[in-house]
C-alpha atoms as a PDB file:
ATOM      1  CA  MET A   1      82.422 105.849  80.340  1.00  0.00           C
ATOM      2  CA  VAL A   2      81.143 102.396  80.632  1.00  0.00           C
ATOM      3  CA  ILE A   3      81.103 101.616  84.392  1.00  0.00           C
ATOM      4  CA  ASN A   4      82.902  98.307  85.104  1.00  0.00           C
ATOM      5  CA  LYS A   5      81.065  97.166  88.560  1.00  0.00           C
ATOM      6  CA  THR A   6      82.835  93.939  89.205  1.00  0.00           C
ATOM      7  CA  ILE A   7      86.788  95.062  88.778  1.00  0.00           C
ATOM      8  CA  THR A   8      86.669  97.423  91.744  1.00  0.00           C
ATOM      9  CA  ASN A   9      86.557  94.583  93.998  1.00  0.00           C
ATOM     10  CA  ASP A  10      89.511  92.746  92.310  1.00  0.00           C
ATOM     11  CA  LYS A  11      92.301  93.640  94.567  1.00  0.00           C
ATOM     12  CA  GLU A  12      95.047  92.191  92.069  1.00  0.00           C
ATOM     13  CA  LYS A  13      93.761  93.963  88.986  1.00  0.00           C
ATOM     14  CA  ILE A  14      93.531  97.116  91.000  1.00  0.00           C
ATOM     15  CA  LYS A  15      96.856  96.753  91.970  1.00  0.00           C
ATOM     16  CA  GLU A  16      98.173  96.111  88.249  1.00  0.00           C
ATOM     17  CA  ILE A  17      96.422  99.194  86.940  1.00  0.00           C
ATOM     18  CA  LEU A  18      97.489 101.293  89.689  1.00  0.00           C
ATOM     19  CA  THR A  19     101.102 100.113  89.322  1.00  0.00           C
ATOM     20  CA  ASP A  20     101.024 100.962  85.457  1.00  0.00           C
ATOM     21  CA  SER A  21      99.328 104.277  86.060  1.00  0.00           C
ATOM     22  CA  ILE A  22     101.599 105.484  88.571  1.00  0.00           C
ATOM     23  CA  ASN A  23     104.823 104.731  86.645  1.00  0.00           C
ATOM     24  CA  SER A  24     103.503 106.155  83.436  1.00  0.00           C
ATOM     25  CA  PHE A  25     102.924 109.621  84.914  1.00  0.00           C
ATOM     26  CA  GLU A  26     105.415 111.847  83.111  1.00  0.00           C
ATOM     27  CA  HIS A  27     106.532 113.723  86.453  1.00  0.00           C
ATOM     28  CA  ILE A  28     106.916 110.274  88.385  1.00  0.00           C
ATOM     29  CA  ASP A  29     110.491 111.295  89.073  1.00  0.00           C
ATOM     30  CA  LYS A  30     109.339 114.048  91.277  1.00  0.00           C
ATOM     31  CA  TYR A  31     108.100 111.313  93.888  1.00  0.00           C
ATOM     32  CA  LYS A  32     110.573 109.738  96.214  1.00  0.00           C
ATOM     33  CA  MET A  33     108.205 106.921  96.816  1.00  0.00           C
ATOM     34  CA  VAL A  34     104.605 105.950  96.030  1.00  0.00           C
ATOM     35  CA  GLY A  35     103.174 102.852  97.858  1.00  0.00           C
ATOM     36  CA  ILE A  36     100.075 101.389  99.224  1.00  0.00           C
ATOM     37  CA  PHE A  37      98.862  99.622 102.448  1.00  0.00           C
ATOM     38  CA  GLY A  38      95.601  98.562 103.871  1.00  0.00           C
ATOM     39  CA  SER A  39      92.957  96.074 102.751  1.00  0.00           C
ATOM     40  CA  ILE A  40      94.186  96.110  99.070  1.00  0.00           C
ATOM     41  CA  ILE A  41      97.184  94.207 100.188  1.00  0.00           C
ATOM     42  CA  HIS A  42      95.852  91.541 101.879  1.00  0.00           C
ATOM     43  CA  GLU A  43      94.100  88.206 100.643  1.00  0.00           C
ATOM     44  CA  GLY A  44      90.575  87.796 100.911  1.00  0.00           C
ATOM     45  CA  GLY A  45      87.987  90.254 102.249  1.00  0.00           C
ATOM     46  CA  LYS A  46      86.345  93.249 100.738  1.00  0.00           C
ATOM     47  CA  LEU A  47      88.524  95.938  99.345  1.00  0.00           C
ATOM     48  CA  GLY A  48      87.237  99.069 101.007  1.00  0.00           C
ATOM     49  CA  ASP A  49      89.308 102.275  99.877  1.00  0.00           C
ATOM     50  CA  VAL A  50      92.844 102.231  98.682  1.00  0.00           C
ATOM     51  CA  ASP A  51      95.350 103.839 100.907  1.00  0.00           C
ATOM     52  CA  LEU A  52      97.875 105.405  98.656  1.00  0.00           C
ATOM     53  CA  VAL A  53     100.957 106.813 100.066  1.00  0.00           C
ATOM     54  CA  SER A  54     103.362 109.303  98.317  1.00  0.00           C
ATOM     55  CA  PHE A  55     106.411 111.400  99.302  1.00  0.00           C
ATOM     56  CA  SER A  56     106.735 114.284  97.018  1.00  0.00           C
ATOM     57  CA  ASP A  57     106.800 118.391  97.448  1.00  0.00           C
ATOM     58  CA  GLY A  58     102.946 118.354  96.103  1.00  0.00           C
ATOM     59  CA  SER A  59     103.738 120.480  93.255  1.00  0.00           C
ATOM     60  CA  PHE A  60     102.667 117.921  90.922  1.00  0.00           C
ATOM     61  CA  HIS A  61     100.039 116.300  92.696  1.00  0.00           C
ATOM     62  CA  GLU A  62      96.888 117.507  91.034  1.00  0.00           C
ATOM     63  CA  LYS A  63      98.275 116.525  87.789  1.00  0.00           C
ATOM     64  CA  PHE A  64      99.272 113.023  89.469  1.00  0.00           C
ATOM     65  CA  ARG A  65      95.715 112.625  90.805  1.00  0.00           C
ATOM     66  CA  GLY A  66      94.385 113.580  87.277  1.00  0.00           C
ATOM     67  CA  HIS A  67      96.622 111.195  85.432  1.00  0.00           C
ATOM     68  CA  LEU A  68      95.488 108.213  87.696  1.00  0.00           C
ATOM     69  CA  THR A  69      91.681 109.423  87.152  1.00  0.00           C
ATOM     70  CA  LYS A  70      92.267 109.206  83.473  1.00  0.00           C
ATOM     71  CA  GLU A  71      93.856 105.831  83.517  1.00  0.00           C
ATOM     72  CA  PHE A  72      91.141 104.456  85.487  1.00  0.00           C
ATOM     73  CA  LYS A  73      88.534 105.864  83.581  1.00  0.00           C
ATOM     74  CA  LYS A  74      89.889 103.849  80.596  1.00  0.00           C
ATOM     75  CA  LYS A  75      88.953 100.870  82.430  1.00  0.00           C
ATOM     76  CA  GLY A  76      85.644 101.822  83.450  1.00  0.00           C
ATOM     77  CA  ILE A  77      86.503 102.799  86.996  1.00  0.00           C
ATOM     78  CA  LYS A  78      85.840 106.182  88.732  1.00  0.00           C
ATOM     79  CA  LEU A  79      88.283 107.268  91.280  1.00  0.00           C
ATOM     80  CA  ILE A  80      87.226 109.562  93.893  1.00  0.00           C
ATOM     81  CA  PHE A  81      90.055 111.028  96.150  1.00  0.00           C
ATOM     82  CA  PHE A  82      89.831 111.776  99.826  1.00  0.00           C
ATOM     83  CA  GLU A  83      92.296 113.042 102.508  1.00  0.00           C
ATOM     84  CA  THR A  84      90.914 111.885 106.055  1.00  0.00           C
ATOM     85  CA  VAL A  85      88.508 109.270 107.086  1.00  0.00           C
ATOM     86  CA  THR A  86      86.269 111.723 108.784  1.00  0.00           C
ATOM     87  CA  ARG A  87      85.417 113.036 105.115  1.00  0.00           C
ATOM     88  CA  MET A  88      85.328 109.569 103.227  1.00  0.00           C
ATOM     89  CA  PRO A  89      82.548 109.910 100.675  1.00  0.00           C
ATOM     90  CA  LYS A  90      80.251 107.107  99.995  1.00  0.00           C
ATOM     91  CA  LYS A  91      81.384 104.659  97.600  1.00  0.00           C
ATOM     92  CA  ASN A  92      78.831 103.929  94.776  1.00  0.00           C
ATOM     93  CA  LYS A  93      79.169 100.958  92.039  1.00  0.00           C
ATOM     94  CA  GLY A  94      81.929 101.482  89.698  1.00  0.00           C
ATOM     95  CA  GLU A  95      83.853 103.742  92.028  1.00  0.00           C
ATOM     96  CA  LEU A  96      87.099 103.450  93.703  1.00  0.00           C
ATOM     97  CA  LEU A  97      87.922 105.394  96.901  1.00  0.00           C
ATOM     98  CA  ILE A  98      91.347 106.559  97.242  1.00  0.00           C
ATOM     99  CA  HIS A  99      92.551 107.632 100.550  1.00  0.00           C
ATOM    100  CA  ASP A 100      95.338 110.124  99.491  1.00  0.00           C
ATOM    101  CA  HIS A 101      98.166 110.312 102.145  1.00  0.00           C
ATOM    102  CA  LEU A 102     100.809 113.009 100.772  1.00  0.00           C
ATOM    103  CA  TYR A 103     103.945 113.656 102.722  1.00  0.00           C
ATOM    104  CA  TYR A 104     106.653 116.369 101.780  1.00  0.00           C
ATOM    105  CA  ASP A 105     109.288 114.304 103.580  1.00  0.00           C
ATOM    106  CA  LEU A 106     109.825 112.167 106.579  1.00  0.00           C
ATOM    107  CA  ASN A 107     109.871 114.735 109.409  1.00  0.00           C
ATOM    108  CA  TYR A 108     106.388 115.863 108.058  1.00  0.00           C
ATOM    109  CA  PHE A 109     105.390 112.398 108.023  1.00  0.00           C
ATOM    110  CA  LEU A 110     106.284 111.688 111.431  1.00  0.00           C
ATOM    111  CA  GLU A 111     105.242 114.841 113.089  1.00  0.00           C
ATOM    112  CA  ASN A 112     101.515 114.760 111.067  1.00  0.00           C
ATOM    113  CA  GLN A 113     100.507 110.939 111.060  1.00  0.00           C
ATOM    114  CA  TRP A 114      99.081 109.092 113.626  1.00  0.00           C
ATOM    115  CA  ASN A 115     101.794 106.695 115.505  1.00  0.00           C
ATOM    116  CA  VAL A 116      99.286 103.738 114.944  1.00  0.00           C
ATOM    117  CA  LEU A 117      99.126 104.403 111.091  1.00  0.00           C
ATOM    118  CA  ILE A 118     102.977 104.840 111.089  1.00  0.00           C
ATOM    119  CA  ASN A 119     103.682 101.629 112.643  1.00  0.00           C
ATOM    120  CA  VAL A 120     101.111 100.111 110.369  1.00  0.00           C
ATOM    121  CA  MET A 121     102.863 101.468 107.210  1.00  0.00           C
ATOM    122  CA  ILE A 122     106.372 100.516 108.516  1.00  0.00           C
ATOM    123  CA  LYS A 123     105.096  97.011 108.748  1.00  0.00           C
ATOM    124  CA  ASP A 124     102.774  96.583 105.734  1.00  0.00           C
ATOM    125  CA  LEU A 125     103.525  99.114 103.107  1.00  0.00           C
ATOM    126  CA  ILE A 126     104.036  97.732  99.444  1.00  0.00           C
ATOM    127  CA  THR A 127     106.217 100.179  97.402  1.00  0.00           C
ATOM    128  CA  LEU A 128     104.949 100.593  93.716  1.00  0.00           C
ATOM    129  CA  HIS A 129     107.524 103.283  92.840  1.00  0.00           C
ATOM    130  CA  GLY A 130     110.780 104.488  94.137  1.00  0.00           C
ATOM    131  CA  LYS A 131     112.512 103.197  97.402  1.00  0.00           C
ATOM    132  CA  ASN A 132     110.624 102.249 100.777  1.00  0.00           C
ATOM    133  CA  ILE A 133     112.122 105.057 102.758  1.00  0.00           C
ATOM    134  CA  ILE A 134     109.886 104.344 105.789  1.00  0.00           C
ATOM    135  CA  LYS A 135     110.470 100.706 106.337  1.00  0.00           C
ATOM    136  CA  ASP A 136     113.680 100.908 108.386  1.00  0.00           C
ATOM    137  CA  LEU A 137     111.936 103.482 110.642  1.00  0.00           C
ATOM    138  CA  PRO A 138     111.546 102.427 114.510  1.00  0.00           C
ATOM    139  CA  GLN A 139     108.286 101.242 115.623  1.00  0.00           C
ATOM    140  CA  GLN A 140     106.730 104.358 117.323  1.00  0.00           C
ATOM    141  CA  LYS A 141     105.324 104.368 120.988  1.00  0.00           C
ATOM    142  CA  ILE A 142     101.380 104.651 121.359  1.00  0.00           C
ATOM    143  CA  SER A 143     100.245 106.159 124.375  1.00  0.00           C
ATOM    144  CA  LYS A 144      96.417 106.190 125.099  1.00  0.00           C
ATOM    145  CA  LYS A 145      96.530 110.025 124.842  1.00  0.00           C
ATOM    146  CA  ASP A 146      97.865 109.534 121.228  1.00  0.00           C
ATOM    147  CA  LEU A 147      95.299 106.982 120.288  1.00  0.00           C
ATOM    148  CA  PHE A 148      92.209 108.113 122.169  1.00  0.00           C
ATOM    149  CA  LEU A 149      92.180 111.881 122.041  1.00  0.00           C
ATOM    150  CA  PRO A 150      91.747 111.934 118.208  1.00  0.00           C
ATOM    151  CA  PHE A 151      88.759 109.522 118.398  1.00  0.00           C
ATOM    152  CA  ILE A 152      87.160 111.902 121.124  1.00  0.00           C
ATOM    153  CA  LYS A 153      87.684 114.826 118.976  1.00  0.00           C
ATOM    154  CA  TRP A 154      86.102 112.898 116.131  1.00  0.00           C
ATOM    155  CA  ILE A 155      83.082 111.849 118.140  1.00  0.00           C
ATOM    156  CA  ASP A 156      82.527 115.616 119.069  1.00  0.00           C
ATOM    157  CA  THR A 157      81.881 116.338 115.415  1.00  0.00           C
ATOM    158  CA  ILE A 158      79.344 113.429 114.698  1.00  0.00           C
ATOM    159  CA  ASN A 159      75.910 114.934 114.997  1.00  0.00           C
ATOM    160  CA  ASN A 160      73.910 112.611 112.450  1.00  0.00           C
ATOM    161  CA  ILE A 161      73.553 108.652 111.898  1.00  0.00           C
ATOM    162  CA  LYS A 162      75.382 109.006 108.483  1.00  0.00           C
ATOM    163  CA  LYS A 163      78.577 110.217 110.262  1.00  0.00           C
ATOM    164  CA  TYR A 164      77.967 107.982 113.151  1.00  0.00           C
ATOM    165  CA  ASN A 165      78.011 105.074 110.311  1.00  0.00           C
ATOM    166  CA  LYS A 166      81.258 106.430 109.001  1.00  0.00           C
ATOM    167  CA  PHE A 167      82.840 106.199 112.570  1.00  0.00           C
ATOM    168  CA  LYS A 168      81.515 102.940 113.161  1.00  0.00           C
ATOM    169  CA  ASN A 169      82.708 101.261 110.275  1.00  0.00           C
ATOM    170  CA  TYR A 170      86.104 102.744 110.486  1.00  0.00           C
ATOM    171  CA  ILE A 171      86.475 101.630 114.119  1.00  0.00           C
ATOM    172  CA  LEU A 172      85.363  97.978 113.484  1.00  0.00           C
ATOM    173  CA  SER A 173      87.499  97.415 110.320  1.00  0.00           C
ATOM    174  CA  HIS A 174      90.571  98.943 112.396  1.00  0.00           C
ATOM    175  CA  LEU A 175      90.245  97.361 115.716  1.00  0.00           C
ATOM    176  CA  SER A 176      93.419  95.375 115.360  1.00  0.00           C
ATOM    177  CA  GLU A 177      95.879  98.007 114.774  1.00  0.00           C
ATOM    178  CA  ASN A 178      94.055 100.566 116.823  1.00  0.00           C
ATOM    179  CA  PHE A 179      93.595  98.869 119.855  1.00  0.00           C
ATOM    180  CA  TYR A 180      94.665  95.225 120.069  1.00  0.00           C
ATOM    181  CA  ASP A 181      98.099  95.723 118.443  1.00  0.00           C
ATOM    182  CA  SER A 182      98.688  98.963 120.495  1.00  0.00           C
ATOM    183  CA  GLY A 183      98.114  96.917 123.760  1.00  0.00           C
ATOM    184  CA  PHE A 184      94.682  98.494 124.585  1.00  0.00           C
ATOM    185  CA  LYS A 185      92.605  95.252 124.162  1.00  0.00           C
ATOM    186  CA  LYS A 186      90.328  96.146 127.090  1.00  0.00           C
ATOM    187  CA  GLU A 187      89.043  99.242 125.443  1.00  0.00           C
ATOM    188  CA  GLY A 188      88.920  97.807 122.107  1.00  0.00           C
ATOM    189  CA  ASN A 189      86.745  94.906 123.371  1.00  0.00           C
ATOM    190  CA  GLU A 190      84.345  97.264 125.127  1.00  0.00           C
ATOM    191  CA  ILE A 191      84.264  99.712 122.042  1.00  0.00           C
ATOM    192  CA  GLU A 192      83.059  96.617 119.764  1.00  0.00           C
ATOM    193  CA  ILE A 193      80.570  95.463 122.029  1.00  0.00           C
ATOM    194  CA  ILE A 194      78.945  98.897 122.254  1.00  0.00           C
ATOM    195  CA  LEU A 195      79.200  99.467 118.306  1.00  0.00           C
ATOM    196  CA  ASN A 196      77.527  95.879 117.695  1.00  0.00           C
ATOM    197  CA  SER A 197      74.631  96.530 119.948  1.00  0.00           C
ATOM    198  CA  ASN A 198      71.141  97.637 118.871  1.00  0.00           C
ATOM    199  CA  THR A 199      71.378 101.000 121.151  1.00  0.00           C
ATOM    200  CA  ASN A 200      70.551 104.271 119.830  1.00  0.00           C
ATOM    201  CA  TRP A 201      73.645 105.842 117.992  1.00  0.00           C
ATOM    202  CA  LYS A 202      73.854 108.829 120.283  1.00  0.00           C
ATOM    203  CA  THR A 203      73.880 106.667 123.315  1.00  0.00           C
ATOM    204  CA  ASN A 204      76.567 104.371 121.798  1.00  0.00           C
ATOM    205  CA  LEU A 205      78.737 107.353 121.197  1.00  0.00           C
ATOM    206  CA  ASN A 206      78.568 108.830 124.681  1.00  0.00           C
ATOM    207  CA  LYS A 207      79.026 105.374 125.917  1.00  0.00           C
ATOM    208  CA  ILE A 208      82.434 105.086 123.696  1.00  0.00           C
ATOM    209  CA  LYS A 209      83.487 108.555 124.735  1.00  0.00           C
ATOM    210  CA  LYS A 210      83.224 107.508 128.410  1.00  0.00           C
ATOM    211  CA  VAL A 211      85.248 104.410 127.707  1.00  0.00           C
ATOM    212  CA  LEU A 212      87.978 106.475 126.327  1.00  0.00           C
ATOM    213  CA  LYS A 213      87.995 109.363 128.564  1.00  0.00           C
ATOM    214  CA  THR A 214      87.857 107.003 131.669  1.00  0.00           C
ATOM    215  CA  SER A 215      91.099 105.035 130.372  1.00  0.00           C
ATOM    216  CA  LEU A 216      92.824 108.340 130.072  1.00  0.00           C
END
């Protein structure tokens, strides 16, 4: 495969390839909806990972991934799939990271996804196949416990600088939806200052954990 190092930052081209690939999948009728949200739908800025949302029973999902991988390979792009931000791999040149959000139905979606992300998807998701089945859902109430406890648990798993940098990059790139839009600007500002400081990473994690725990 001849690697295309420039197209992976072209949001419009990626959306075009993704749309064509999704709708050419032979079992696409098994999917109620496939859509995208996140950095790929916003003008300007760098393209990080692509948040891909799909609703199906999962029986054809490995084939679906394989089909997308094959179609992007034709364009010189290597797809890398991952399921959670805590396990997001490093992105190399010519690679495109796909954050694969698979939900079996609306109940599974509402029970298993963070309320913060549910609200972002309700507001921003663009449908590439099927009907947008989440756009009419009510905005979910965000409590400090809902938001802060998963971050505290994440911090407890961080034991090296590589894992810290993943955490840092995620928090800084999602400050708006995770803190400001949810009404927790004070905590968001404090955490941003900590992460942008030159302090040792272990000290920063302890400080952030203190901010979150104190606010609960």
